[in-house]
Amino acid sequence: MWDLETVPDLAGFAAANDLVGKSDVEVREAIGDKFPKHIYHSIVCIGALIAHWEPDHWAVDAVGAPHVGERRCSAHQLLDLEGNFA
């Protein structure tokens, strides 16, 4: 199972909606309370869980959400070539 955590991509939204040069507050006001389209999100965390079914329950084999600091990460960076968490 994968889980993506995102934050609004204010610069992308601003560029697409003629708001370049506006403050973050002004861009957030333009977005409003609605959930922005996925294209206007930046991924900040990718988490993964690997489990298998036992006769009467799910058993967790591995879980991870490695910290990559300021750089962007992608799903393939979480797993090594054998499918293990890096």
N, C-alpha and C. Protein backbone atom coordinates (compact mmCIF):
# COMPACT_ATOMS: atom_id res chain seq x y z
N MET A 1 0.85 -1.15 0.00
CA MET A 1 0.00 0.00 0.00
C MET A 1 0.90 1.22 0.00
N TRP A 2 0.57 2.19 -0.81
CA TRP A 2 1.31 3.45 -0.88
C TRP A 2 0.46 4.57 -0.31
N ASP A 3 1.11 5.57 0.28
CA ASP A 3 0.42 6.75 0.78
C ASP A 3 1.24 7.97 0.38
N LEU A 4 0.61 8.89 -0.31
CA LEU A 4 1.26 10.14 -0.70
C LEU A 4 0.72 11.28 0.16
N GLU A 5 1.61 12.06 0.72
CA GLU A 5 1.21 13.28 1.42
C GLU A 5 1.64 14.45 0.56
N THR A 6 0.74 15.39 0.37
CA THR A 6 1.03 16.52 -0.52
C THR A 6 0.72 17.84 0.16
N VAL A 7 1.26 18.89 -0.43
CA VAL A 7 0.93 20.26 -0.05
C VAL A 7 0.59 21.01 -1.33
N PRO A 8 -0.18 22.08 -1.23
CA PRO A 8 -0.50 22.84 -2.44
C PRO A 8 0.77 23.40 -3.09
N ASP A 9 0.85 23.29 -4.42
CA ASP A 9 1.94 23.88 -5.20
C ASP A 9 1.52 25.30 -5.55
N LEU A 10 1.84 26.22 -4.67
CA LEU A 10 1.39 27.60 -4.84
C LEU A 10 1.96 28.23 -6.11
N ALA A 11 3.24 27.97 -6.39
CA ALA A 11 3.86 28.55 -7.59
C ALA A 11 3.21 28.00 -8.86
N GLY A 12 2.93 26.70 -8.88
CA GLY A 12 2.28 26.11 -10.05
C GLY A 12 0.87 26.65 -10.26
N PHE A 13 0.12 26.76 -9.16
CA PHE A 13 -1.23 27.31 -9.25
C PHE A 13 -1.18 28.76 -9.73
N ALA A 14 -0.22 29.52 -9.18
CA ALA A 14 -0.09 30.93 -9.58
C ALA A 14 0.23 31.05 -11.06
N ALA A 15 1.15 30.23 -11.55
CA ALA A 15 1.54 30.29 -12.96
C ALA A 15 0.37 29.95 -13.88
N ALA A 16 -0.44 29.00 -13.48
CA ALA A 16 -1.54 28.56 -14.32
C ALA A 16 -2.75 29.48 -14.26
N ASN A 17 -2.79 30.34 -13.25
CA ASN A 17 -3.97 31.19 -13.04
C ASN A 17 -3.66 32.68 -13.04
N ASP A 18 -2.60 33.06 -13.74
CA ASP A 18 -2.22 34.47 -13.90
C ASP A 18 -2.07 35.19 -12.55
N LEU A 19 -1.42 34.50 -11.59
CA LEU A 19 -1.21 35.08 -10.26
C LEU A 19 0.27 35.20 -9.92
N VAL A 20 1.15 35.09 -10.93
CA VAL A 20 2.59 35.20 -10.69
C VAL A 20 2.89 36.57 -10.10
N GLY A 21 3.68 36.58 -9.03
CA GLY A 21 4.03 37.82 -8.35
C GLY A 21 3.14 38.12 -7.16
N LYS A 22 2.04 37.39 -7.03
CA LYS A 22 1.15 37.56 -5.89
C LYS A 22 1.75 36.86 -4.67
N SER A 23 1.37 37.29 -3.50
CA SER A 23 1.87 36.67 -2.27
C SER A 23 1.24 35.29 -2.09
N ASP A 24 1.87 34.47 -1.23
CA ASP A 24 1.31 33.15 -0.92
C ASP A 24 -0.10 33.27 -0.37
N VAL A 25 -0.32 34.29 0.43
CA VAL A 25 -1.65 34.50 1.01
C VAL A 25 -2.68 34.75 -0.10
N GLU A 26 -2.31 35.57 -1.07
CA GLU A 26 -3.23 35.87 -2.17
C GLU A 26 -3.50 34.63 -3.02
N VAL A 27 -2.46 33.82 -3.25
CA VAL A 27 -2.65 32.59 -4.03
C VAL A 27 -3.54 31.62 -3.27
N ARG A 28 -3.30 31.47 -1.96
CA ARG A 28 -4.15 30.59 -1.14
C ARG A 28 -5.61 31.08 -1.15
N GLU A 29 -5.81 32.38 -1.13
CA GLU A 29 -7.18 32.91 -1.19
C GLU A 29 -7.82 32.56 -2.53
N ALA A 30 -7.03 32.59 -3.61
CA ALA A 30 -7.57 32.24 -4.93
C ALA A 30 -7.92 30.75 -4.99
N ILE A 31 -7.13 29.91 -4.33
CA ILE A 31 -7.44 28.47 -4.28
C ILE A 31 -8.72 28.26 -3.50
N GLY A 32 -8.88 29.00 -2.42
CA GLY A 32 -10.08 28.90 -1.59
C GLY A 32 -10.04 27.69 -0.68
N ASP A 33 -11.20 27.29 -0.19
CA ASP A 33 -11.30 26.17 0.74
C ASP A 33 -11.37 24.82 0.04
N LYS A 34 -11.54 24.84 -1.27
CA LYS A 34 -11.67 23.58 -1.99
C LYS A 34 -10.31 22.87 -2.11
N PHE A 35 -10.36 21.57 -2.31
CA PHE A 35 -9.15 20.78 -2.52
C PHE A 35 -8.65 21.05 -3.93
N PRO A 36 -7.42 21.56 -4.08
CA PRO A 36 -6.93 21.87 -5.43
C PRO A 36 -6.79 20.60 -6.28
N LYS A 37 -6.90 20.76 -7.59
CA LYS A 37 -6.68 19.63 -8.49
C LYS A 37 -5.30 19.04 -8.22
N HIS A 38 -5.15 17.75 -8.47
CA HIS A 38 -3.90 17.06 -8.17
C HIS A 38 -2.68 17.71 -8.83
N ILE A 39 -2.86 18.26 -10.00
CA ILE A 39 -1.73 18.88 -10.70
C ILE A 39 -1.16 20.05 -9.90
N TYR A 40 -1.92 20.62 -9.01
CA TYR A 40 -1.47 21.76 -8.19
C TYR A 40 -0.99 21.32 -6.81
N HIS A 41 -0.46 20.10 -6.71
CA HIS A 41 0.08 19.59 -5.45
C HIS A 41 1.53 19.18 -5.64
N SER A 42 2.32 19.31 -4.59
CA SER A 42 3.69 18.79 -4.56
C SER A 42 3.74 17.67 -3.54
N ILE A 43 4.39 16.59 -3.89
CA ILE A 43 4.54 15.45 -2.98
C ILE A 43 5.61 15.78 -1.96
N VAL A 44 5.27 15.62 -0.67
CA VAL A 44 6.24 15.88 0.39
C VAL A 44 6.63 14.62 1.14
N CYS A 45 5.86 13.55 0.99
CA CYS A 45 6.19 12.29 1.66
C CYS A 45 5.52 11.14 0.92
N ILE A 46 6.29 10.07 0.75
CA ILE A 46 5.76 8.83 0.18
C ILE A 46 5.97 7.75 1.22
N GLY A 47 4.90 7.14 1.66
CA GLY A 47 5.01 6.06 2.62
C GLY A 47 4.55 4.76 1.98
N ALA A 48 5.04 3.67 2.50
CA ALA A 48 4.66 2.37 1.96
C ALA A 48 4.53 1.36 3.08
N LEU A 49 3.63 0.41 2.86
CA LEU A 49 3.43 -0.69 3.80
C LEU A 49 3.33 -1.97 2.98
N ILE A 50 4.09 -2.99 3.40
CA ILE A 50 4.02 -4.30 2.76
C ILE A 50 3.50 -5.28 3.81
N ALA A 51 2.47 -6.04 3.44
CA ALA A 51 1.85 -6.98 4.38
C ALA A 51 1.42 -8.23 3.63
N HIS A 52 1.17 -9.26 4.38
CA HIS A 52 0.62 -10.48 3.79
C HIS A 52 -0.49 -11.01 4.69
N TRP A 53 -1.37 -11.79 4.08
CA TRP A 53 -2.53 -12.32 4.80
C TRP A 53 -2.17 -13.61 5.52
N GLU A 54 -2.39 -13.63 6.80
CA GLU A 54 -2.27 -14.84 7.62
C GLU A 54 -3.67 -15.47 7.65
N PRO A 55 -3.84 -16.65 8.22
CA PRO A 55 -5.16 -17.28 8.22
C PRO A 55 -6.30 -16.41 8.78
N ASP A 56 -5.99 -15.52 9.72
CA ASP A 56 -7.08 -14.73 10.32
C ASP A 56 -6.76 -13.24 10.48
N HIS A 57 -5.66 -12.76 9.89
CA HIS A 57 -5.31 -11.34 10.04
C HIS A 57 -4.22 -10.96 9.03
N TRP A 58 -4.04 -9.65 8.86
CA TRP A 58 -2.94 -9.15 8.05
C TRP A 58 -1.71 -9.03 8.93
N ALA A 59 -0.56 -9.46 8.43
CA ALA A 59 0.71 -9.34 9.14
C ALA A 59 1.60 -8.36 8.37
N VAL A 60 2.10 -7.36 9.07
CA VAL A 60 2.94 -6.34 8.44
C VAL A 60 4.36 -6.87 8.29
N ASP A 61 4.88 -6.80 7.06
CA ASP A 61 6.25 -7.23 6.78
C ASP A 61 7.22 -6.05 6.83
N ALA A 62 6.80 -4.90 6.36
CA ALA A 62 7.67 -3.73 6.33
C ALA A 62 6.84 -2.47 6.22
N VAL A 63 7.34 -1.40 6.77
CA VAL A 63 6.69 -0.10 6.66
C VAL A 63 7.81 0.95 6.58
N GLY A 64 7.58 1.97 5.80
CA GLY A 64 8.62 2.99 5.69
C GLY A 64 8.12 4.26 5.05
N ALA A 65 8.77 5.34 5.45
CA ALA A 65 8.57 6.67 4.86
C ALA A 65 9.86 7.43 5.11
N PRO A 66 10.91 7.09 4.36
CA PRO A 66 12.22 7.68 4.62
C PRO A 66 12.23 9.19 4.40
N HIS A 67 13.01 9.86 5.22
CA HIS A 67 13.16 11.32 5.11
C HIS A 67 14.22 11.62 4.07
N VAL A 68 13.90 12.50 3.14
CA VAL A 68 14.86 12.84 2.10
C VAL A 68 15.24 14.32 2.17
N GLY A 69 14.89 15.00 3.24
CA GLY A 69 15.26 16.40 3.38
C GLY A 69 14.53 17.27 2.38
N GLU A 70 15.26 18.18 1.82
CA GLU A 70 14.67 19.15 0.90
C GLU A 70 14.48 18.62 -0.51
N ARG A 71 15.19 17.55 -0.88
CA ARG A 71 15.06 17.05 -2.26
C ARG A 71 13.76 16.27 -2.42
N ARG A 72 13.27 16.22 -3.62
CA ARG A 72 12.07 15.45 -3.92
C ARG A 72 12.43 13.97 -4.01
N CYS A 73 11.53 13.11 -3.61
CA CYS A 73 11.77 11.69 -3.74
C CYS A 73 10.68 11.07 -4.58
N SER A 74 10.95 9.89 -5.11
CA SER A 74 9.96 9.17 -5.89
C SER A 74 9.83 7.77 -5.34
N ALA A 75 8.81 7.07 -5.75
CA ALA A 75 8.51 5.75 -5.21
C ALA A 75 9.68 4.79 -5.40
N HIS A 76 10.36 4.84 -6.54
CA HIS A 76 11.45 3.89 -6.76
C HIS A 76 12.62 4.10 -5.81
N GLN A 77 12.75 5.28 -5.22
CA GLN A 77 13.82 5.54 -4.27
C GLN A 77 13.55 4.89 -2.91
N LEU A 78 12.32 4.46 -2.65
CA LEU A 78 11.99 3.81 -1.40
C LEU A 78 12.43 2.36 -1.37
N LEU A 79 12.49 1.74 -2.53
CA LEU A 79 12.75 0.30 -2.60
C LEU A 79 14.05 0.03 -3.33
N ASP A 80 14.79 -0.98 -2.89
CA ASP A 80 15.97 -1.38 -3.64
C ASP A 80 15.54 -2.32 -4.77
N LEU A 81 16.48 -2.87 -5.48
CA LEU A 81 16.16 -3.67 -6.66
C LEU A 81 15.39 -4.96 -6.33
N GLU A 82 15.47 -5.42 -5.10
CA GLU A 82 14.78 -6.64 -4.72
C GLU A 82 13.44 -6.36 -4.05
N GLY A 83 13.01 -5.10 -4.04
CA GLY A 83 11.73 -4.75 -3.45
C GLY A 83 11.79 -4.50 -1.96
N ASN A 84 12.98 -4.40 -1.39
CA ASN A 84 13.13 -4.11 0.03
C ASN A 84 13.23 -2.60 0.24
N PHE A 85 12.82 -2.13 1.41
CA PHE A 85 12.92 -0.71 1.69
C PHE A 85 14.36 -0.30 1.75
N ALA A 86 14.68 0.76 1.05
CA ALA A 86 16.05 1.28 1.02
C ALA A 86 16.38 2.04 2.29
